[in-house]
């Protein structure tokens, strides 16, 4: 964005505060009155400059048709809620005090949260000890999805999900480990992205 003059900054601040207070933008008369501008053409000049610099949008069909241009952050802020074991299940404890920032990705939709992976049962799926997993929160899964599963009275584990005839198979991606079989499994989400810190 281009830099603003002192008066343009003041006008942007005024419009922002006005919208926050009243829920709609000030009219050109309001702006002129607030800043003591006798000539309406001066208001038009400032507003036109703010539009061309990308700070304001103007809807000419509305009397109060000014709106602020909000720039999307280049990153997404996602809550990091705990650790998930990729081996034996552990008690599911969620902590919502920490967040992580990841590059904005249009493919990542829905309610997301992050977990730190612990263990080596999912190495065949590219999940290693210490990786950060981005999870899409949902209660259902397709066969083959890597899921956060709750079993045996609030124990969480990360496994591949398979619905069999009369049971669910939670399959590790490590040939040295055996799957878990359960009649009931609570799905807390599906892995949609793996982040590895290579430092």
N, C-alpha and C. Protein backbone atom coordinates (compact mmCIF):
# COMPACT_ATOMS: atom_id res chain seq x y z
N UNK A 1 0.84 -1.20 0.00
CA UNK A 1 0.00 0.00 0.00
C UNK A 1 0.88 1.26 0.00
N UNK A 2 0.37 2.30 -0.64
CA UNK A 2 1.11 3.55 -0.67
C UNK A 2 0.97 4.27 0.66
N UNK A 3 1.96 5.15 0.95
CA UNK A 3 1.93 5.89 2.21
C UNK A 3 0.85 6.97 2.16
N UNK A 4 0.42 7.38 3.35
CA UNK A 4 -0.65 8.36 3.48
C UNK A 4 -0.12 9.67 4.02
N UNK A 5 -0.81 10.75 3.66
CA UNK A 5 -0.51 12.04 4.27
C UNK A 5 -1.10 12.03 5.69
N UNK A 6 -0.70 13.02 6.48
CA UNK A 6 -1.21 13.14 7.85
C UNK A 6 -2.74 13.24 7.85
N UNK A 7 -3.29 14.08 6.96
CA UNK A 7 -4.74 14.26 6.92
C UNK A 7 -5.44 12.98 6.47
N UNK A 8 -4.86 12.26 5.51
CA UNK A 8 -5.45 11.00 5.05
C UNK A 8 -5.49 9.97 6.18
N UNK A 9 -4.43 9.92 6.97
CA UNK A 9 -4.41 9.02 8.14
C UNK A 9 -5.51 9.39 9.12
N UNK A 10 -5.69 10.69 9.32
CA UNK A 10 -6.73 11.17 10.24
C UNK A 10 -8.13 10.78 9.72
N UNK A 11 -8.32 10.91 8.42
CA UNK A 11 -9.63 10.58 7.83
C UNK A 11 -9.90 9.08 7.93
N UNK A 12 -8.88 8.26 7.65
CA UNK A 12 -9.05 6.81 7.78
C UNK A 12 -9.41 6.44 9.22
N UNK A 13 -8.70 7.04 10.19
CA UNK A 13 -8.99 6.76 11.61
C UNK A 13 -10.41 7.16 11.97
N UNK A 14 -10.83 8.33 11.48
CA UNK A 14 -12.19 8.81 11.76
C UNK A 14 -13.24 7.86 11.18
N UNK A 15 -13.04 7.45 9.91
CA UNK A 15 -14.00 6.55 9.26
C UNK A 15 -14.08 5.22 10.03
N UNK A 16 -12.91 4.68 10.44
CA UNK A 16 -12.85 3.41 11.18
C UNK A 16 -13.63 3.53 12.50
N UNK A 17 -13.35 4.61 13.26
CA UNK A 17 -14.02 4.81 14.55
C UNK A 17 -15.53 5.01 14.36
N UNK A 18 -15.90 5.74 13.31
CA UNK A 18 -17.31 6.00 13.03
C UNK A 18 -18.06 4.71 12.73
N UNK A 19 -17.44 3.87 11.88
CA UNK A 19 -18.07 2.58 11.53
C UNK A 19 -18.21 1.69 12.76
N UNK A 20 -17.16 1.66 13.61
CA UNK A 20 -17.20 0.85 14.83
C UNK A 20 -18.31 1.34 15.77
N UNK A 21 -18.52 2.65 15.82
CA UNK A 21 -19.52 3.23 16.73
C UNK A 21 -20.95 3.07 16.22
N UNK A 22 -21.15 3.33 14.91
CA UNK A 22 -22.52 3.39 14.37
C UNK A 22 -22.90 2.20 13.50
N UNK A 23 -21.91 1.46 13.02
CA UNK A 23 -22.22 0.31 12.18
C UNK A 23 -22.35 0.65 10.70
N UNK A 24 -22.15 1.92 10.35
CA UNK A 24 -22.16 2.34 8.94
C UNK A 24 -21.17 3.49 8.80
N UNK A 25 -20.82 3.81 7.55
CA UNK A 25 -19.77 4.82 7.33
C UNK A 25 -20.33 6.23 7.44
N UNK A 26 -19.44 7.20 7.71
CA UNK A 26 -19.89 8.59 7.72
C UNK A 26 -20.19 9.07 6.30
N UNK A 27 -21.04 10.06 6.18
CA UNK A 27 -21.29 10.69 4.88
C UNK A 27 -20.15 11.67 4.60
N UNK A 28 -20.09 12.18 3.37
CA UNK A 28 -19.09 13.19 3.04
C UNK A 28 -19.30 14.45 3.88
N UNK A 29 -20.59 14.76 4.15
CA UNK A 29 -20.90 15.91 5.01
C UNK A 29 -20.33 15.71 6.41
N UNK A 30 -20.49 14.50 6.94
CA UNK A 30 -19.96 14.20 8.28
C UNK A 30 -18.44 14.43 8.32
N UNK A 31 -17.76 13.95 7.28
CA UNK A 31 -16.30 14.10 7.22
C UNK A 31 -15.92 15.57 7.15
N UNK A 32 -16.61 16.33 6.28
CA UNK A 32 -16.32 17.76 6.13
C UNK A 32 -16.53 18.50 7.44
N UNK A 33 -17.64 18.17 8.12
CA UNK A 33 -17.97 18.83 9.38
C UNK A 33 -16.95 18.49 10.46
N UNK A 34 -16.58 17.21 10.54
CA UNK A 34 -15.64 16.77 11.58
C UNK A 34 -14.29 17.47 11.44
N UNK A 35 -13.83 17.64 10.22
CA UNK A 35 -12.49 18.22 10.00
C UNK A 35 -12.54 19.71 9.67
N UNK A 36 -13.74 20.30 9.69
CA UNK A 36 -13.86 21.73 9.43
C UNK A 36 -13.48 22.10 8.00
N UNK A 37 -13.83 21.24 7.05
CA UNK A 37 -13.50 21.49 5.66
C UNK A 37 -14.68 22.19 4.97
N UNK A 38 -14.45 23.42 4.50
CA UNK A 38 -15.52 24.20 3.90
C UNK A 38 -15.85 23.67 2.50
N UNK A 39 -14.83 23.24 1.78
CA UNK A 39 -15.04 22.81 0.39
C UNK A 39 -15.25 21.30 0.33
N UNK A 40 -16.42 20.89 -0.19
CA UNK A 40 -16.72 19.46 -0.31
C UNK A 40 -15.76 18.78 -1.29
N UNK A 41 -15.24 19.55 -2.22
CA UNK A 41 -14.30 18.99 -3.20
C UNK A 41 -13.03 18.46 -2.51
N UNK A 42 -12.66 19.09 -1.39
CA UNK A 42 -11.48 18.64 -0.64
C UNK A 42 -11.73 17.25 -0.05
N UNK A 43 -12.93 17.03 0.45
CA UNK A 43 -13.30 15.71 0.99
C UNK A 43 -13.24 14.68 -0.13
N UNK A 44 -13.80 15.04 -1.29
CA UNK A 44 -13.79 14.12 -2.44
C UNK A 44 -12.35 13.77 -2.86
N UNK A 45 -11.48 14.77 -2.83
CA UNK A 45 -10.07 14.54 -3.19
C UNK A 45 -9.42 13.54 -2.24
N UNK A 46 -9.62 13.76 -0.94
CA UNK A 46 -9.03 12.86 0.06
C UNK A 46 -9.58 11.44 -0.07
N UNK A 47 -10.90 11.32 -0.22
CA UNK A 47 -11.53 10.01 -0.35
C UNK A 47 -11.05 9.31 -1.62
N UNK A 48 -10.98 10.04 -2.72
CA UNK A 48 -10.51 9.46 -3.98
C UNK A 48 -9.07 8.97 -3.84
N UNK A 49 -8.25 9.73 -3.15
CA UNK A 49 -6.85 9.33 -2.93
C UNK A 49 -6.77 8.06 -2.08
N UNK A 50 -7.62 7.97 -1.07
CA UNK A 50 -7.63 6.79 -0.20
C UNK A 50 -8.14 5.55 -0.94
N UNK A 51 -9.07 5.75 -1.87
CA UNK A 51 -9.55 4.65 -2.70
C UNK A 51 -8.42 4.18 -3.63
N UNK A 52 -7.76 5.12 -4.29
CA UNK A 52 -6.71 4.75 -5.25
C UNK A 52 -5.50 4.14 -4.56
N UNK A 53 -5.27 4.50 -3.30
CA UNK A 53 -4.15 3.91 -2.56
C UNK A 53 -4.50 2.58 -1.92
N UNK A 54 -5.77 2.16 -2.06
CA UNK A 54 -6.17 0.84 -1.58
C UNK A 54 -6.61 0.76 -0.13
N UNK A 55 -6.93 1.92 0.49
CA UNK A 55 -7.36 1.92 1.89
C UNK A 55 -8.88 1.93 2.04
N UNK A 56 -9.55 2.46 1.02
CA UNK A 56 -11.01 2.57 1.08
C UNK A 56 -11.64 1.97 -0.17
N UNK A 57 -12.88 1.50 -0.01
CA UNK A 57 -13.72 1.14 -1.14
C UNK A 57 -14.93 2.06 -1.11
N UNK A 58 -15.43 2.40 -2.31
CA UNK A 58 -16.57 3.32 -2.36
C UNK A 58 -17.67 2.72 -3.21
N UNK A 59 -18.88 2.70 -2.66
CA UNK A 59 -20.06 2.28 -3.40
C UNK A 59 -20.85 3.54 -3.72
N UNK A 60 -20.77 3.97 -4.98
CA UNK A 60 -21.39 5.24 -5.37
C UNK A 60 -22.92 5.20 -5.33
N UNK A 61 -23.49 4.02 -5.23
CA UNK A 61 -24.95 3.91 -5.20
C UNK A 61 -25.52 4.11 -3.80
N UNK A 62 -24.64 4.18 -2.81
CA UNK A 62 -25.09 4.37 -1.43
C UNK A 62 -24.58 5.70 -0.91
N UNK A 63 -25.41 6.41 -0.14
CA UNK A 63 -24.98 7.69 0.43
C UNK A 63 -23.81 7.48 1.40
N UNK A 64 -23.92 6.42 2.19
CA UNK A 64 -22.84 6.10 3.14
C UNK A 64 -22.13 4.84 2.64
N UNK A 65 -21.55 4.95 1.45
CA UNK A 65 -21.01 3.78 0.77
C UNK A 65 -19.52 3.57 0.92
N UNK A 66 -18.92 4.15 1.96
CA UNK A 66 -17.48 3.95 2.18
C UNK A 66 -17.25 2.73 3.06
N UNK A 67 -16.25 1.94 2.73
CA UNK A 67 -15.87 0.82 3.59
C UNK A 67 -14.35 0.66 3.57
N UNK A 68 -13.82 0.20 4.68
CA UNK A 68 -12.37 0.01 4.80
C UNK A 68 -11.96 -1.27 4.08
N UNK A 69 -10.81 -1.23 3.46
CA UNK A 69 -10.27 -2.43 2.82
C UNK A 69 -9.47 -3.18 3.88
N UNK A 70 -9.89 -4.40 4.18
CA UNK A 70 -9.16 -5.21 5.17
C UNK A 70 -8.22 -6.14 4.43
N UNK A 71 -6.99 -6.09 4.81
CA UNK A 71 -5.98 -6.94 4.18
C UNK A 71 -5.87 -8.25 4.96
N UNK A 72 -5.96 -9.36 4.25
CA UNK A 72 -5.84 -10.67 4.88
C UNK A 72 -4.40 -10.90 5.32
N UNK A 73 -4.23 -11.41 6.52
CA UNK A 73 -2.89 -11.74 6.97
C UNK A 73 -2.32 -12.85 6.08
N UNK A 74 -1.00 -12.83 5.87
CA UNK A 74 -0.41 -13.87 5.01
C UNK A 74 -0.28 -15.22 5.72
N UNK A 75 -0.73 -15.27 6.98
CA UNK A 75 -0.64 -16.51 7.73
C UNK A 75 -1.95 -16.83 8.43
N UNK A 76 -2.08 -18.09 8.87
CA UNK A 76 -3.24 -18.53 9.63
C UNK A 76 -2.78 -18.81 11.06
N UNK A 77 -3.57 -18.39 12.01
CA UNK A 77 -3.26 -18.65 13.42
C UNK A 77 -4.11 -19.83 13.88
N UNK A 78 -3.45 -20.89 14.34
CA UNK A 78 -4.14 -22.13 14.68
C UNK A 78 -3.80 -22.52 16.11
N UNK A 79 -4.81 -22.90 16.92
CA UNK A 79 -4.51 -23.31 18.30
C UNK A 79 -3.74 -24.63 18.34
N UNK A 80 -2.66 -24.64 19.11
CA UNK A 80 -1.90 -25.86 19.37
C UNK A 80 -2.42 -26.42 20.68
N UNK A 81 -3.16 -27.55 20.62
CA UNK A 81 -3.93 -27.98 21.78
C UNK A 81 -3.31 -29.14 22.56
N UNK A 82 -2.14 -29.63 22.13
CA UNK A 82 -1.53 -30.69 22.93
C UNK A 82 -0.68 -31.63 22.10
N UNK A 83 -0.49 -32.83 22.67
CA UNK A 83 0.35 -33.88 22.06
C UNK A 83 -0.54 -35.06 21.69
N UNK A 84 -0.25 -35.69 20.55
CA UNK A 84 -0.96 -36.91 20.16
C UNK A 84 0.07 -38.01 19.98
N UNK A 85 -0.17 -39.16 20.61
CA UNK A 85 0.77 -40.27 20.43
C UNK A 85 0.47 -41.01 19.15
N UNK A 86 1.54 -41.42 18.51
CA UNK A 86 1.40 -42.23 17.30
C UNK A 86 1.61 -43.70 17.65
N UNK A 87 1.70 -43.99 18.95
CA UNK A 87 1.86 -45.38 19.38
C UNK A 87 0.72 -45.75 20.30
N UNK A 88 1.05 -46.07 21.56
CA UNK A 88 0.02 -46.41 22.53
C UNK A 88 -0.82 -45.17 22.85
N UNK A 89 -2.12 -45.35 23.01
CA UNK A 89 -2.97 -44.20 23.33
C UNK A 89 -2.62 -43.57 24.67
N UNK A 90 -2.78 -42.26 24.75
CA UNK A 90 -2.63 -41.56 26.03
C UNK A 90 -3.90 -40.76 26.29
N UNK A 91 -4.08 -40.32 27.54
CA UNK A 91 -5.28 -39.57 27.88
C UNK A 91 -5.34 -38.29 27.06
N UNK A 92 -6.52 -38.01 26.52
CA UNK A 92 -6.70 -36.81 25.68
C UNK A 92 -6.84 -35.59 26.57
N UNK A 93 -5.83 -34.72 26.53
CA UNK A 93 -5.87 -33.47 27.30
C UNK A 93 -5.67 -32.34 26.31
N UNK A 94 -6.59 -31.39 26.30
CA UNK A 94 -6.47 -30.26 25.39
C UNK A 94 -6.10 -29.01 26.17
N UNK A 95 -5.13 -28.27 25.62
CA UNK A 95 -4.67 -27.02 26.22
C UNK A 95 -4.76 -25.95 25.13
N UNK A 96 -5.57 -24.94 25.36
CA UNK A 96 -5.82 -23.94 24.30
C UNK A 96 -5.04 -22.64 24.51
N UNK A 97 -3.93 -22.70 25.25
CA UNK A 97 -3.21 -21.46 25.56
C UNK A 97 -2.19 -21.09 24.50
N UNK A 98 -1.79 -22.00 23.63
CA UNK A 98 -0.74 -21.73 22.66
C UNK A 98 -1.29 -21.76 21.24
N UNK A 99 -0.72 -20.94 20.36
CA UNK A 99 -1.10 -20.97 18.95
C UNK A 99 0.15 -21.05 18.09
N UNK A 100 -0.03 -21.50 16.85
CA UNK A 100 1.06 -21.49 15.87
C UNK A 100 0.58 -20.75 14.63
N UNK A 101 1.52 -20.18 13.89
CA UNK A 101 1.20 -19.52 12.63
C UNK A 101 1.72 -20.35 11.48
N UNK A 102 0.87 -20.59 10.50
CA UNK A 102 1.32 -21.29 9.29
C UNK A 102 0.93 -20.46 8.08
N UNK A 103 1.63 -20.66 6.97
CA UNK A 103 1.34 -19.91 5.75
C UNK A 103 -0.11 -20.14 5.35
N UNK A 104 -0.78 -19.08 4.94
CA UNK A 104 -2.18 -19.19 4.53
C UNK A 104 -2.31 -20.12 3.33
N UNK A 105 -3.26 -21.03 3.43
CA UNK A 105 -3.44 -22.04 2.39
C UNK A 105 -4.93 -22.17 2.11
N UNK A 106 -5.34 -21.81 0.89
CA UNK A 106 -6.75 -21.85 0.53
C UNK A 106 -7.36 -23.24 0.60
N UNK A 107 -6.50 -24.27 0.55
CA UNK A 107 -7.01 -25.65 0.60
C UNK A 107 -7.40 -26.05 2.03
N UNK A 108 -6.90 -25.32 3.02
CA UNK A 108 -7.21 -25.66 4.41
C UNK A 108 -8.47 -24.91 4.84
N UNK A 109 -9.55 -25.66 4.96
CA UNK A 109 -10.83 -25.06 5.32
C UNK A 109 -11.40 -25.73 6.56
N UNK A 110 -12.43 -25.12 7.12
CA UNK A 110 -13.08 -25.69 8.29
C UNK A 110 -12.36 -25.29 9.57
N UNK A 111 -12.78 -25.88 10.67
CA UNK A 111 -12.18 -25.57 11.98
C UNK A 111 -10.91 -26.40 12.13
N UNK A 112 -9.79 -25.72 12.33
CA UNK A 112 -8.49 -26.39 12.39
C UNK A 112 -7.88 -26.27 13.78
N UNK A 113 -7.10 -27.28 14.15
CA UNK A 113 -6.27 -27.19 15.35
C UNK A 113 -5.00 -27.98 15.10
N UNK A 114 -4.01 -27.80 15.96
CA UNK A 114 -2.71 -28.44 15.76
C UNK A 114 -2.35 -29.31 16.96
N UNK A 115 -1.62 -30.40 16.68
CA UNK A 115 -1.12 -31.30 17.71
C UNK A 115 0.33 -31.64 17.39
N UNK A 116 1.12 -31.85 18.44
CA UNK A 116 2.49 -32.33 18.27
C UNK A 116 2.46 -33.86 18.27
N UNK A 117 3.12 -34.44 17.25
CA UNK A 117 3.16 -35.91 17.15
C UNK A 117 4.25 -36.46 18.07
N UNK A 118 3.93 -37.59 18.71
CA UNK A 118 4.89 -38.25 19.58
C UNK A 118 4.89 -39.74 19.25
N UNK A 119 6.07 -40.30 18.94
CA UNK A 119 6.16 -41.72 18.63
C UNK A 119 6.41 -41.97 17.15
N UNK A 120 6.54 -43.25 16.79
CA UNK A 120 6.96 -43.61 15.42
C UNK A 120 6.01 -44.57 14.72
N UNK A 121 4.78 -44.67 15.21
CA UNK A 121 3.87 -45.66 14.59
C UNK A 121 3.31 -45.21 13.25
N UNK A 122 3.50 -43.92 12.89
CA UNK A 122 2.93 -43.42 11.64
C UNK A 122 4.00 -42.98 10.65
N UNK A 123 5.22 -43.51 10.79
CA UNK A 123 6.31 -43.06 9.92
C UNK A 123 6.06 -43.41 8.45
N UNK A 124 5.30 -44.48 8.21
CA UNK A 124 4.97 -44.85 6.83
C UNK A 124 4.08 -43.84 6.14
N UNK A 125 3.42 -42.98 6.94
CA UNK A 125 2.59 -41.90 6.40
C UNK A 125 3.32 -40.57 6.45
N UNK A 126 4.63 -40.62 6.76
CA UNK A 126 5.41 -39.38 6.80
C UNK A 126 5.23 -38.58 8.07
N UNK A 127 4.72 -39.22 9.14
CA UNK A 127 4.56 -38.54 10.42
C UNK A 127 5.66 -39.01 11.36
N UNK A 128 6.54 -38.08 11.75
CA UNK A 128 7.67 -38.41 12.61
C UNK A 128 7.53 -37.74 13.97
N UNK A 129 8.22 -38.31 14.94
CA UNK A 129 8.21 -37.77 16.30
C UNK A 129 8.61 -36.29 16.27
N UNK A 130 7.79 -35.44 16.86
CA UNK A 130 8.08 -34.01 16.91
C UNK A 130 7.41 -33.19 15.82
N UNK A 131 6.82 -33.86 14.83
CA UNK A 131 6.12 -33.11 13.78
C UNK A 131 4.90 -32.39 14.35
N UNK A 132 4.52 -31.30 13.70
CA UNK A 132 3.28 -30.60 14.04
C UNK A 132 2.23 -31.01 13.02
N UNK A 133 1.09 -31.48 13.51
CA UNK A 133 0.01 -31.94 12.64
C UNK A 133 -1.12 -30.92 12.65
N UNK A 134 -1.56 -30.54 11.46
CA UNK A 134 -2.75 -29.69 11.35
C UNK A 134 -3.95 -30.59 11.14
N UNK A 135 -4.92 -30.47 12.03
CA UNK A 135 -6.08 -31.36 12.05
C UNK A 135 -7.33 -30.56 11.69
N UNK A 136 -8.13 -31.11 10.79
CA UNK A 136 -9.45 -30.54 10.53
C UNK A 136 -10.44 -31.21 11.46
N UNK A 137 -11.08 -30.41 12.27
CA UNK A 137 -12.00 -30.94 13.28
C UNK A 137 -13.25 -31.49 12.60
N UNK A 138 -13.50 -32.78 12.75
CA UNK A 138 -14.72 -33.40 12.23
C UNK A 138 -14.95 -34.71 12.96
N UNK A 139 -16.17 -35.20 12.89
CA UNK A 139 -16.55 -36.40 13.65
C UNK A 139 -16.65 -37.63 12.78
N UNK A 140 -16.40 -37.50 11.48
CA UNK A 140 -16.47 -38.65 10.58
C UNK A 140 -15.17 -38.75 9.80
N UNK A 141 -14.93 -39.94 9.21
CA UNK A 141 -13.71 -40.15 8.43
C UNK A 141 -13.99 -41.15 7.32
N UNK A 142 -13.19 -41.07 6.28
CA UNK A 142 -13.24 -42.04 5.18
C UNK A 142 -12.16 -43.10 5.42
N UNK A 143 -12.38 -44.30 4.89
CA UNK A 143 -11.35 -45.33 4.99
C UNK A 143 -10.03 -44.82 4.43
N UNK A 144 -8.97 -45.02 5.21
CA UNK A 144 -7.64 -44.58 4.78
C UNK A 144 -7.23 -43.22 5.32
N UNK A 145 -8.19 -42.47 5.91
CA UNK A 145 -7.82 -41.18 6.50
C UNK A 145 -6.94 -41.40 7.73
N UNK A 146 -6.02 -40.48 7.96
CA UNK A 146 -5.25 -40.48 9.21
C UNK A 146 -6.01 -39.62 10.20
N UNK A 147 -6.44 -40.24 11.30
CA UNK A 147 -7.38 -39.58 12.21
C UNK A 147 -6.83 -39.46 13.63
N UNK A 148 -7.41 -38.48 14.34
CA UNK A 148 -7.27 -38.42 15.78
C UNK A 148 -8.46 -39.20 16.33
N UNK A 149 -8.16 -40.34 16.96
CA UNK A 149 -9.22 -41.23 17.45
C UNK A 149 -9.20 -41.29 18.96
N UNK A 150 -10.39 -41.25 19.55
CA UNK A 150 -10.53 -41.40 21.01
C UNK A 150 -11.10 -42.79 21.27
N UNK A 151 -10.38 -43.57 22.06
CA UNK A 151 -10.82 -44.94 22.38
C UNK A 151 -10.69 -45.16 23.89
N UNK A 152 -11.35 -46.20 24.36
CA UNK A 152 -11.17 -46.67 25.75
C UNK A 152 -11.24 -45.55 26.78
N UNK A 153 -12.35 -44.85 26.80
CA UNK A 153 -12.58 -43.86 27.85
C UNK A 153 -11.56 -42.73 27.82
N UNK A 154 -11.59 -41.95 26.75
CA UNK A 154 -10.82 -40.71 26.62
C UNK A 154 -9.31 -40.90 26.41
N UNK A 155 -8.93 -41.94 25.69
CA UNK A 155 -7.53 -42.08 25.31
C UNK A 155 -7.40 -41.76 23.82
N UNK A 156 -6.42 -40.91 23.49
CA UNK A 156 -6.27 -40.43 22.11
C UNK A 156 -5.09 -41.11 21.43
N UNK A 157 -5.27 -41.39 20.14
CA UNK A 157 -4.18 -41.95 19.34
C UNK A 157 -4.32 -41.48 17.90
N UNK A 158 -3.22 -41.51 17.17
CA UNK A 158 -3.21 -41.14 15.76
C UNK A 158 -3.02 -42.40 14.93
N UNK A 159 -3.99 -42.72 14.10
CA UNK A 159 -3.93 -43.95 13.30
C UNK A 159 -4.67 -43.76 11.97
N UNK A 160 -4.48 -44.70 11.05
CA UNK A 160 -5.28 -44.73 9.83
C UNK A 160 -6.60 -45.44 10.15
N UNK A 161 -7.68 -44.90 9.63
CA UNK A 161 -9.03 -45.36 9.98
C UNK A 161 -9.57 -46.28 8.89
N UNK A 162 -10.10 -47.43 9.33
CA UNK A 162 -10.77 -48.34 8.39
C UNK A 162 -12.02 -48.90 9.04
N UNK A 163 -13.16 -48.73 8.39
CA UNK A 163 -14.42 -49.30 8.87
C UNK A 163 -14.56 -50.70 8.27
N UNK A 164 -14.53 -51.72 9.12
CA UNK A 164 -14.70 -53.09 8.66
C UNK A 164 -16.13 -53.54 8.94
N UNK A 165 -16.42 -54.80 8.67
CA UNK A 165 -17.80 -55.28 8.72
C UNK A 165 -18.49 -54.96 10.04
N UNK A 166 -17.90 -55.36 11.14
CA UNK A 166 -18.55 -55.12 12.44
C UNK A 166 -17.59 -54.52 13.47
N UNK A 167 -16.54 -53.86 12.97
CA UNK A 167 -15.58 -53.24 13.87
C UNK A 167 -14.80 -52.17 13.11
N UNK A 168 -14.06 -51.39 13.85
CA UNK A 168 -13.20 -50.36 13.26
C UNK A 168 -11.74 -50.76 13.50
N UNK A 169 -10.96 -50.67 12.46
CA UNK A 169 -9.53 -50.96 12.57
C UNK A 169 -8.76 -49.64 12.54
N UNK A 170 -7.94 -49.45 13.57
CA UNK A 170 -7.05 -48.29 13.63
C UNK A 170 -5.65 -48.81 13.33
N UNK A 171 -5.19 -48.50 12.14
CA UNK A 171 -3.99 -49.13 11.59
C UNK A 171 -2.77 -48.21 11.72
N UNK A 172 -1.70 -48.68 12.38
CA UNK A 172 -0.46 -47.90 12.37
C UNK A 172 0.21 -47.99 11.00
N UNK A 173 1.07 -47.03 10.69
CA UNK A 173 1.82 -47.07 9.43
C UNK A 173 3.27 -47.42 9.75
N UNK A 174 3.39 -48.54 10.43
CA UNK A 174 4.71 -49.05 10.83
C UNK A 174 4.58 -50.58 10.88
N UNK A 175 5.33 -51.31 10.05
CA UNK A 175 5.16 -52.76 9.96
C UNK A 175 5.47 -53.51 11.26
N UNK A 176 6.15 -52.84 12.20
CA UNK A 176 6.50 -53.48 13.47
C UNK A 176 5.37 -53.42 14.50
N UNK A 177 4.30 -52.72 14.16
CA UNK A 177 3.23 -52.51 15.14
C UNK A 177 1.91 -53.09 14.64
N UNK A 178 1.10 -53.52 15.60
CA UNK A 178 -0.19 -54.13 15.26
C UNK A 178 -1.33 -53.11 15.37
N UNK A 179 -2.39 -53.34 14.60
CA UNK A 179 -3.53 -52.41 14.67
C UNK A 179 -4.35 -52.59 15.94
N UNK A 180 -5.16 -51.59 16.24
CA UNK A 180 -6.17 -51.67 17.30
C UNK A 180 -7.51 -51.97 16.63
N UNK A 181 -8.32 -52.79 17.27
CA UNK A 181 -9.68 -53.06 16.79
C UNK A 181 -10.66 -52.62 17.86
N UNK A 182 -11.66 -51.88 17.48
CA UNK A 182 -12.66 -51.42 18.43
C UNK A 182 -14.04 -51.45 17.78
N UNK A 183 -15.05 -51.65 18.62
CA UNK A 183 -16.43 -51.56 18.15
C UNK A 183 -16.83 -50.09 17.99
N UNK A 184 -16.32 -49.27 18.90
CA UNK A 184 -16.68 -47.84 18.87
C UNK A 184 -15.42 -46.99 18.94
N UNK A 185 -15.41 -45.96 18.12
CA UNK A 185 -14.30 -45.01 18.09
C UNK A 185 -14.89 -43.61 17.91
N UNK A 186 -14.39 -42.67 18.68
CA UNK A 186 -14.80 -41.27 18.51
C UNK A 186 -13.74 -40.57 17.66
N UNK A 187 -14.16 -40.01 16.55
CA UNK A 187 -13.25 -39.28 15.67
C UNK A 187 -13.24 -37.81 16.10
N UNK A 188 -12.02 -37.28 16.32
CA UNK A 188 -11.90 -35.87 16.69
C UNK A 188 -11.34 -35.01 15.55
N UNK A 189 -10.97 -35.67 14.45
CA UNK A 189 -10.45 -34.88 13.33
C UNK A 189 -9.60 -35.72 12.41
N UNK A 190 -9.27 -35.12 11.26
CA UNK A 190 -8.49 -35.79 10.22
C UNK A 190 -7.26 -34.93 9.93
N UNK A 191 -6.10 -35.58 9.79
CA UNK A 191 -4.87 -34.85 9.48
C UNK A 191 -4.94 -34.30 8.06
N UNK A 192 -4.70 -32.97 7.93
CA UNK A 192 -4.74 -32.34 6.60
C UNK A 192 -3.38 -31.77 6.20
N UNK A 193 -2.46 -31.66 7.16
CA UNK A 193 -1.14 -31.12 6.84
C UNK A 193 -0.14 -31.55 7.91
N UNK A 194 1.10 -31.82 7.48
CA UNK A 194 2.18 -32.17 8.39
C UNK A 194 3.28 -31.12 8.25
N UNK A 195 3.72 -30.58 9.38
CA UNK A 195 4.78 -29.57 9.37
C UNK A 195 5.97 -30.12 10.14
N UNK A 196 7.14 -30.07 9.53
CA UNK A 196 8.35 -30.60 10.17
C UNK A 196 9.34 -29.46 10.36
N UNK A 197 9.87 -29.35 11.56
CA UNK A 197 10.90 -28.37 11.86
C UNK A 197 12.26 -29.00 11.56
N UNK A 198 12.94 -28.51 10.56
CA UNK A 198 14.21 -29.12 10.15
C UNK A 198 15.43 -28.46 10.80
N UNK A 199 15.20 -27.53 11.71
CA UNK A 199 16.33 -26.86 12.34
C UNK A 199 16.92 -27.70 13.44
